[in-house]
Amino acid sequence: MKVLVAEDEAVILMQYKMALEGRGHHVVGARDGEECLRLYEAESQNASAGACPFDAVLLDYRMPKMDGMEVAKRILALSPSQRIIIASAFTKEALVASLKQLKQVVELLQKPFELDLLGDVLEDKEIFSQLEMLNVKVAEIKGMNPTHEQVRDLLEGLNKIYAHGTKDASSLSSASA
């Protein structure tokens, strides 16, 4: 995966970069919101039409020059389907109202978090685990190199089918009684 990480703390940025590159990801780092946006816009020019230049963008919520929310708004204006993850030490409840302003799905990582969790979130480990529980052949899905959005939508769709099927099955058993 190609990941853009914006984090103003040099040591934390280095830790993220080392952890993700250790898992085989390509990481581009920025130390503030303006630099992040410049890097994003430059990569956007090299991306094919309609494609997101990064598989994911990890933004620190509070950064100098431009905060993570403003960067997220501007990135989503350029690429509405860009996967964005906001990392923040603020409580989830305090951020929910801000995140709703984006009117798009944005993931949230509560700081501090284990570096393995960052990799797991980027690699959709939890989603793939849930798909395995639904007897989906995860290796085949991964072989198709789906986007995060496609994997999330697959899980959501299967959960709806399963919930609908369970509801139908329970109504049949109560009707026959």
C-alpha atoms as a PDB file:
ATOM      1  CA  MET A   1       0.000   0.000   0.000  1.00  0.00           C
ATOM      2  CA  LYS A   2       1.011   3.570  -0.610  1.00  0.00           C
ATOM      3  CA  VAL A   3       0.277   5.664   2.496  1.00  0.00           C
ATOM      4  CA  LEU A   4       0.578   9.395   3.147  1.00  0.00           C
ATOM      5  CA  VAL A   5       1.196  10.133   6.830  1.00  0.00           C
ATOM      6  CA  ALA A   6       0.943  13.639   8.304  1.00  0.00           C
ATOM      7  CA  GLU A   7       2.297  13.882  11.846  1.00  0.00           C
ATOM      8  CA  ASP A   8       4.030  16.933  13.351  1.00  0.00           C
ATOM      9  CA  GLU A   9       5.947  14.951  15.999  1.00  0.00           C
ATOM     10  CA  ALA A  10       9.130  13.789  14.216  1.00  0.00           C
ATOM     11  CA  VAL A  11       9.630  10.757  16.463  1.00  0.00           C
ATOM     12  CA  ILE A  12       6.043   9.572  16.034  1.00  0.00           C
ATOM     13  CA  LEU A  13       6.210  10.089  12.263  1.00  0.00           C
ATOM     14  CA  MET A  14       9.410   8.021  12.159  1.00  0.00           C
ATOM     15  CA  GLN A  15       7.763   5.256  14.251  1.00  0.00           C
ATOM     16  CA  TYR A  16       4.738   5.126  11.940  1.00  0.00           C
ATOM     17  CA  LYS A  17       6.981   5.073   8.885  1.00  0.00           C
ATOM     18  CA  MET A  18       9.220   2.299  10.233  1.00  0.00           C
ATOM     19  CA  ALA A  19       6.276   0.178  11.395  1.00  0.00           C
ATOM     20  CA  LEU A  20       4.421   0.452   8.090  1.00  0.00           C
ATOM     21  CA  GLU A  21       7.481   0.015   5.899  1.00  0.00           C
ATOM     22  CA  GLY A  22       8.359  -3.029   8.006  1.00  0.00           C
ATOM     23  CA  ARG A  23       5.051  -4.494   6.835  1.00  0.00           C
ATOM     24  CA  GLY A  24       5.889  -3.776   3.201  1.00  0.00           C
ATOM     25  CA  HIS A  25       4.049  -0.479   2.713  1.00  0.00           C
ATOM     26  CA  HIS A  26       5.424   2.606   0.936  1.00  0.00           C
ATOM     27  CA  VAL A  27       5.125   5.636   3.231  1.00  0.00           C
ATOM     28  CA  VAL A  28       5.327   9.317   2.335  1.00  0.00           C
ATOM     29  CA  GLY A  29       5.636  11.573   5.379  1.00  0.00           C
ATOM     30  CA  ALA A  30       4.649  15.178   6.059  1.00  0.00           C
ATOM     31  CA  ARG A  31       5.315  17.265   9.172  1.00  0.00           C
ATOM     32  CA  ASP A  32       2.350  19.660   8.892  1.00  0.00           C
ATOM     33  CA  GLY A  33      -0.985  20.032   7.158  1.00  0.00           C
ATOM     34  CA  GLU A  34       0.206  22.318   4.365  1.00  0.00           C
ATOM     35  CA  GLU A  35       3.063  19.975   3.417  1.00  0.00           C
ATOM     36  CA  CYS A  36       0.640  17.046   3.447  1.00  0.00           C
ATOM     37  CA  LEU A  37      -1.746  18.824   1.099  1.00  0.00           C
ATOM     38  CA  ARG A  38       1.112  19.822  -1.250  1.00  0.00           C
ATOM     39  CA  LEU A  39       2.329  16.209  -1.393  1.00  0.00           C
ATOM     40  CA  TYR A  40      -1.210  14.977  -2.004  1.00  0.00           C
ATOM     41  CA  GLU A  41      -1.830  17.454  -4.808  1.00  0.00           C
ATOM     42  CA  ALA A  42       1.504  16.595  -6.466  1.00  0.00           C
ATOM     43  CA  GLU A  43       0.710  12.861  -6.368  1.00  0.00           C
ATOM     44  CA  SER A  44      -2.814  13.553  -7.656  1.00  0.00           C
ATOM     45  CA  GLN A  45      -1.338  14.974 -10.841  1.00  0.00           C
ATOM     46  CA  ASN A  46       0.527  11.701 -11.426  1.00  0.00           C
ATOM     47  CA  ALA A  47      -2.474   9.458 -10.670  1.00  0.00           C
ATOM     48  CA  SER A  48      -4.768   8.230 -13.415  1.00  0.00           C
ATOM     49  CA  ALA A  49      -8.069  10.076 -13.804  1.00  0.00           C
ATOM     50  CA  GLY A  50     -10.456   9.351 -10.959  1.00  0.00           C
ATOM     51  CA  ALA A  51      -7.919   7.281  -9.012  1.00  0.00           C
ATOM     52  CA  CYS A  52      -6.795   8.157  -5.505  1.00  0.00           C
ATOM     53  CA  PRO A  53      -3.044   8.777  -5.366  1.00  0.00           C
ATOM     54  CA  PHE A  54      -2.704   6.974  -2.007  1.00  0.00           C
ATOM     55  CA  ASP A  55      -4.335   3.849  -0.648  1.00  0.00           C
ATOM     56  CA  ALA A  56      -4.785   5.702   2.642  1.00  0.00           C
ATOM     57  CA  VAL A  57      -4.002   9.049   4.245  1.00  0.00           C
ATOM     58  CA  LEU A  58      -3.275   9.101   7.979  1.00  0.00           C
ATOM     59  CA  LEU A  59      -3.731  12.565   9.483  1.00  0.00           C
ATOM     60  CA  ASP A  60      -2.880  13.793  12.933  1.00  0.00           C
ATOM     61  CA  TYR A  61      -5.874  15.783  14.131  1.00  0.00           C
ATOM     62  CA  ARG A  62      -3.836  18.669  15.539  1.00  0.00           C
ATOM     63  CA  MET A  63      -0.970  19.905  13.345  1.00  0.00           C
ATOM     64  CA  PRO A  64       0.667  23.247  12.655  1.00  0.00           C
ATOM     65  CA  LYS A  65      -0.222  25.393   9.631  1.00  0.00           C
ATOM     66  CA  MET A  66      -3.379  23.370   8.858  1.00  0.00           C
ATOM     67  CA  ASP A  67      -5.133  20.872  11.107  1.00  0.00           C
ATOM     68  CA  GLY A  68      -6.120  17.362  10.087  1.00  0.00           C
ATOM     69  CA  MET A  69      -9.795  18.225   9.617  1.00  0.00           C
ATOM     70  CA  GLU A  70      -9.012  20.993   7.135  1.00  0.00           C
ATOM     71  CA  VAL A  71      -6.577  18.754   5.260  1.00  0.00           C
ATOM     72  CA  ALA A  72      -9.223  16.007   5.152  1.00  0.00           C
ATOM     73  CA  LYS A  73     -11.825  18.436   3.753  1.00  0.00           C
ATOM     74  CA  ARG A  74      -9.477  19.573   1.007  1.00  0.00           C
ATOM     75  CA  ILE A  75      -8.349  16.063   0.113  1.00  0.00           C
ATOM     76  CA  LEU A  76     -11.947  14.836  -0.062  1.00  0.00           C
ATOM     77  CA  ALA A  77     -12.801  17.785  -2.308  1.00  0.00           C
ATOM     78  CA  LEU A  78     -10.091  16.570  -4.706  1.00  0.00           C
ATOM     79  CA  SER A  79     -10.743  12.819  -4.306  1.00  0.00           C
ATOM     80  CA  PRO A  80     -14.099  12.030  -2.663  1.00  0.00           C
ATOM     81  CA  SER A  81     -13.313   8.315  -2.342  1.00  0.00           C
ATOM     82  CA  GLN A  82      -9.904   8.782  -0.680  1.00  0.00           C
ATOM     83  CA  ARG A  83      -9.553   6.651   2.467  1.00  0.00           C
ATOM     84  CA  ILE A  84      -8.723   8.921   5.397  1.00  0.00           C
ATOM     85  CA  ILE A  85      -7.792   7.920   8.926  1.00  0.00           C
ATOM     86  CA  ILE A  86      -7.615  10.597  11.622  1.00  0.00           C
ATOM     87  CA  ALA A  87      -5.339   9.927  14.599  1.00  0.00           C
ATOM     88  CA  SER A  88      -6.049  11.938  17.716  1.00  0.00           C
ATOM     89  CA  ALA A  89      -5.600  11.975  21.466  1.00  0.00           C
ATOM     90  CA  PHE A  90      -8.966  13.741  21.808  1.00  0.00           C
ATOM     91  CA  THR A  91     -11.802  11.518  22.953  1.00  0.00           C
ATOM     92  CA  LYS A  92     -13.879   9.902  20.253  1.00  0.00           C
ATOM     93  CA  GLU A  93     -16.995  11.696  21.473  1.00  0.00           C
ATOM     94  CA  ALA A  94     -15.269  15.081  21.126  1.00  0.00           C
ATOM     95  CA  LEU A  95     -14.322  14.314  17.515  1.00  0.00           C
ATOM     96  CA  VAL A  96     -17.555  12.802  16.232  1.00  0.00           C
ATOM     97  CA  ALA A  97     -19.226  16.170  15.614  1.00  0.00           C
ATOM     98  CA  SER A  98     -16.161  17.416  13.722  1.00  0.00           C
ATOM     99  CA  LEU A  99     -15.957  14.264  11.634  1.00  0.00           C
ATOM    100  CA  LYS A 100     -19.637  14.554  10.685  1.00  0.00           C
ATOM    101  CA  GLN A 101     -18.837  17.878   8.994  1.00  0.00           C
ATOM    102  CA  LEU A 102     -16.887  15.917   6.389  1.00  0.00           C
ATOM    103  CA  LYS A 103     -20.097  14.128   5.312  1.00  0.00           C
ATOM    104  CA  GLN A 104     -18.005  11.116   4.338  1.00  0.00           C
ATOM    105  CA  VAL A 105     -16.723   8.029   6.072  1.00  0.00           C
ATOM    106  CA  VAL A 106     -13.509   8.813   7.902  1.00  0.00           C
ATOM    107  CA  GLU A 107     -11.856   6.351  10.238  1.00  0.00           C
ATOM    108  CA  LEU A 108     -10.591   7.332  13.671  1.00  0.00           C
ATOM    109  CA  LEU A 109      -7.643   5.957  15.622  1.00  0.00           C
ATOM    110  CA  GLN A 110      -7.524   6.970  19.265  1.00  0.00           C
ATOM    111  CA  LYS A 111      -4.002   7.925  20.388  1.00  0.00           C
ATOM    112  CA  PRO A 112      -2.011   6.404  21.892  1.00  0.00           C
ATOM    113  CA  PHE A 113      -2.295   3.147  19.949  1.00  0.00           C
ATOM    114  CA  GLU A 114      -0.021   0.206  19.302  1.00  0.00           C
ATOM    115  CA  LEU A 115       1.881   0.418  16.028  1.00  0.00           C
ATOM    116  CA  ASP A 116       0.609  -3.042  15.085  1.00  0.00           C
ATOM    117  CA  LEU A 117      -2.932  -1.683  15.291  1.00  0.00           C
ATOM    118  CA  LEU A 118      -2.087   0.969  12.694  1.00  0.00           C
ATOM    119  CA  GLY A 119      -0.915  -1.723  10.268  1.00  0.00           C
ATOM    120  CA  ASP A 120      -3.932  -3.900  11.050  1.00  0.00           C
ATOM    121  CA  VAL A 121      -6.336  -1.023  10.368  1.00  0.00           C
ATOM    122  CA  LEU A 122      -4.622  -0.156   7.083  1.00  0.00           C
ATOM    123  CA  GLU A 123      -4.651  -3.787   6.007  1.00  0.00           C
ATOM    124  CA  ASP A 124      -8.312  -4.246   7.007  1.00  0.00           C
ATOM    125  CA  LYS A 125      -7.378  -7.123   9.326  1.00  0.00           C
ATOM    126  CA  GLU A 126     -10.614  -6.860  11.328  1.00  0.00           C
ATOM    127  CA  ILE A 127     -12.785  -6.768   8.205  1.00  0.00           C
ATOM    128  CA  PHE A 128     -11.032  -9.801   6.713  1.00  0.00           C
ATOM    129  CA  SER A 129     -11.430 -11.633  10.030  1.00  0.00           C
ATOM    130  CA  GLN A 130     -15.176 -10.959   9.961  1.00  0.00           C
ATOM    131  CA  LEU A 131     -15.351 -12.139   6.339  1.00  0.00           C
ATOM    132  CA  GLU A 132     -13.608 -15.383   7.325  1.00  0.00           C
ATOM    133  CA  MET A 133     -16.277 -15.925   9.997  1.00  0.00           C
ATOM    134  CA  LEU A 134     -18.845 -15.673   7.173  1.00  0.00           C
ATOM    135  CA  ASN A 135     -16.948 -18.429   5.272  1.00  0.00           C
ATOM    136  CA  VAL A 136     -15.636 -16.039   2.606  1.00  0.00           C
ATOM    137  CA  LYS A 137     -12.466 -17.211   0.864  1.00  0.00           C
ATOM    138  CA  VAL A 138     -10.351 -14.300   2.028  1.00  0.00           C
ATOM    139  CA  ALA A 139      -7.220 -15.370   0.116  1.00  0.00           C
ATOM    140  CA  GLU A 140      -9.164 -15.126  -3.149  1.00  0.00           C
ATOM    141  CA  ILE A 141     -10.550 -11.714  -2.208  1.00  0.00           C
ATOM    142  CA  LYS A 142      -7.063 -10.442  -1.290  1.00  0.00           C
ATOM    143  CA  GLY A 143      -5.765 -11.815  -4.603  1.00  0.00           C
ATOM    144  CA  MET A 144      -8.104  -9.415  -6.416  1.00  0.00           C
ATOM    145  CA  ASN A 145      -6.363  -6.511  -4.639  1.00  0.00           C
ATOM    146  CA  PRO A 146      -9.594  -4.766  -3.606  1.00  0.00           C
ATOM    147  CA  THR A 147      -9.743  -1.269  -2.181  1.00  0.00           C
ATOM    148  CA  HIS A 148     -10.675  -0.699   1.441  1.00  0.00           C
ATOM    149  CA  GLU A 149     -14.057   0.593   0.298  1.00  0.00           C
ATOM    150  CA  GLN A 150     -14.742  -2.569  -1.727  1.00  0.00           C
ATOM    151  CA  VAL A 151     -13.834  -4.862   1.177  1.00  0.00           C
ATOM    152  CA  ARG A 152     -15.922  -2.804   3.611  1.00  0.00           C
ATOM    153  CA  ASP A 153     -18.877  -2.828   1.194  1.00  0.00           C
ATOM    154  CA  LEU A 154     -18.567  -6.606   0.736  1.00  0.00           C
ATOM    155  CA  LEU A 155     -18.729  -7.170   4.484  1.00  0.00           C
ATOM    156  CA  GLU A 156     -21.637  -4.745   4.856  1.00  0.00           C
ATOM    157  CA  GLY A 157     -23.566  -6.434   2.047  1.00  0.00           C
ATOM    158  CA  LEU A 158     -22.972  -9.926   3.404  1.00  0.00           C
ATOM    159  CA  ASN A 159     -24.031  -8.823   6.877  1.00  0.00           C
ATOM    160  CA  LYS A 160     -27.276  -7.427   5.422  1.00  0.00           C
ATOM    161  CA  ILE A 161     -27.930 -10.671   3.542  1.00  0.00           C
ATOM    162  CA  TYR A 162     -27.180 -12.695   6.655  1.00  0.00           C
ATOM    163  CA  ALA A 163     -29.412 -10.498   8.839  1.00  0.00           C
ATOM    164  CA  HIS A 164     -32.225 -10.681   6.271  1.00  0.00           C
ATOM    165  CA  GLY A 165     -31.831 -14.463   5.929  1.00  0.00           C
ATOM    166  CA  THR A 166     -31.891 -14.912   9.708  1.00  0.00           C
ATOM    167  CA  LYS A 167     -35.015 -12.768   9.970  1.00  0.00           C
ATOM    168  CA  ASP A 168     -36.734 -14.785   7.225  1.00  0.00           C
ATOM    169  CA  ALA A 169     -35.744 -18.078   8.841  1.00  0.00           C
ATOM    170  CA  SER A 170     -37.076 -17.005  12.246  1.00  0.00           C
ATOM    171  CA  SER A 171     -40.384 -15.824  10.776  1.00  0.00           C
ATOM    172  CA  LEU A 172     -40.787 -19.154   8.971  1.00  0.00           C
ATOM    173  CA  SER A 173     -40.205 -21.158  12.124  1.00  0.00           C
ATOM    174  CA  SER A 174     -42.671 -19.041  14.130  1.00  0.00           C
ATOM    175  CA  ALA A 175     -45.271 -19.250  11.323  1.00  0.00           C
ATOM    176  CA  SER A 176     -45.108 -23.045  11.250  1.00  0.00           C
ATOM    177  CA  ALA A 177     -45.611 -23.364  14.996  1.00  0.00           C
END
